[in-house]
Amino acid sequence: MTPSEIRYLTPISIEVKKEKYCRFKKSGIKYVDYKNPDFLLKFINEQGKILPRRVTGTSQKFQKKVNKAVKRARHLAILPYVADLMK
């Protein structure tokens, strides 16, 4: 059988990935406020871990600012260090 004669039972699914973008650059945010826990929860998973850049699409510059803001909020007890099913 040549490759052109091969037939598949199910069609081959090709994943179309959504374009990642930095939400800070797009909306023009210059400062990440550590006193806003609702905004910071978007960058934290259910266990309380900070989501990586490859998941959120945040640029390196703002990922550093998000990390610092989350750590400050944890230190001041605005956000928990560890949580079970936070969201």
Protein backbone atom coordinates (compact mmCIF):
# COMPACT_ATOMS: atom_id res chain seq x y z
CA MET A 1 0.00 0.00 0.00
CA THR A 2 1.26 3.41 -0.83
CA PRO A 3 0.68 6.30 1.59
CA SER A 4 -2.06 7.70 -0.66
CA GLU A 5 -4.05 4.44 -0.38
CA ILE A 6 -4.12 4.36 3.43
CA ARG A 7 -7.57 5.07 4.77
CA TYR A 8 -8.31 6.01 8.37
CA LEU A 9 -11.38 4.93 10.31
CA THR A 10 -11.57 8.24 12.09
CA PRO A 11 -10.42 11.51 10.60
CA ILE A 12 -7.07 12.77 11.82
CA SER A 13 -7.64 15.58 14.27
CA ILE A 14 -5.31 18.50 13.90
CA GLU A 15 -5.19 20.67 17.00
CA VAL A 16 -5.50 24.34 16.32
CA LYS A 17 -3.88 26.13 19.23
CA LYS A 18 -5.26 29.44 20.35
CA GLU A 19 -2.81 32.29 19.99
CA LYS A 20 -1.25 33.20 23.34
CA TYR A 21 -0.96 36.85 24.23
CA CYS A 22 0.17 38.91 27.17
CA ARG A 23 -2.96 40.34 28.76
CA PHE A 24 -0.91 43.10 30.38
CA LYS A 25 0.43 44.42 27.09
CA LYS A 26 -2.95 44.08 25.41
CA SER A 27 -4.86 46.04 28.06
CA GLY A 28 -2.04 48.50 28.83
CA ILE A 29 -1.47 47.52 32.48
CA LYS A 30 1.89 48.76 33.74
CA TYR A 31 1.69 47.86 37.45
CA VAL A 32 0.58 44.56 39.00
CA ASP A 33 -1.14 45.38 42.28
CA TYR A 34 -0.49 42.86 45.07
CA LYS A 35 -3.50 44.19 47.01
CA ASN A 36 -5.98 42.89 44.42
CA PRO A 37 -6.50 39.18 45.23
CA ASP A 38 -9.29 38.67 42.66
CA PHE A 39 -6.94 39.61 39.82
CA LEU A 40 -4.05 37.54 41.19
CA LEU A 41 -6.26 34.44 41.47
CA LYS A 42 -6.24 34.24 37.66
CA PHE A 43 -2.53 33.36 37.82
CA ILE A 44 -2.86 30.69 40.55
CA ASN A 45 -4.16 27.14 40.20
CA GLU A 46 -6.45 25.27 42.63
CA GLN A 47 -3.57 24.20 44.87
CA GLY A 48 -2.26 27.76 45.17
CA LYS A 49 0.70 27.36 42.79
CA ILE A 50 1.69 30.15 40.42
CA LEU A 51 0.91 29.23 36.81
CA PRO A 52 3.88 29.27 34.39
CA ARG A 53 4.24 31.58 31.40
CA ARG A 54 3.66 28.79 28.91
CA VAL A 55 0.16 28.28 30.34
CA THR A 56 -0.92 31.90 30.83
CA GLY A 57 0.89 33.44 27.85
CA THR A 58 2.24 36.29 29.97
CA SER A 59 5.46 37.95 28.83
CA GLN A 60 8.62 37.48 30.89
CA LYS A 61 8.62 41.06 32.17
CA PHE A 62 5.10 40.80 33.58
CA GLN A 63 5.51 37.21 34.80
CA LYS A 64 8.24 38.45 37.14
CA LYS A 65 5.92 41.19 38.37
CA VAL A 66 3.08 38.70 38.88
CA ASN A 67 5.38 36.38 40.84
CA LYS A 68 6.50 39.21 43.08
CA ALA A 69 2.91 40.42 43.62
CA VAL A 70 1.65 36.92 44.49
CA LYS A 71 4.51 36.38 46.93
CA ARG A 72 3.88 39.75 48.59
CA ALA A 73 0.17 39.00 48.87
CA ARG A 74 0.95 35.64 50.46
CA HIS A 75 3.32 37.26 52.94
CA LEU A 76 0.62 39.75 53.98
CA ALA A 77 -2.00 36.95 54.23
CA ILE A 78 -4.08 38.33 51.36
CA LEU A 79 -3.58 35.04 49.48
CA PRO A 80 -2.99 31.62 51.05
CA TYR A 81 0.32 29.81 50.56
CA VAL A 82 -1.34 26.41 50.13
CA ALA A 83 -5.01 25.71 49.50
CA ASP A 84 -7.21 22.75 48.67
CA LEU A 85 -9.57 23.56 45.81
CA MET A 86 -9.26 27.31 46.10
CA LYS A 87 -11.43 28.10 43.08
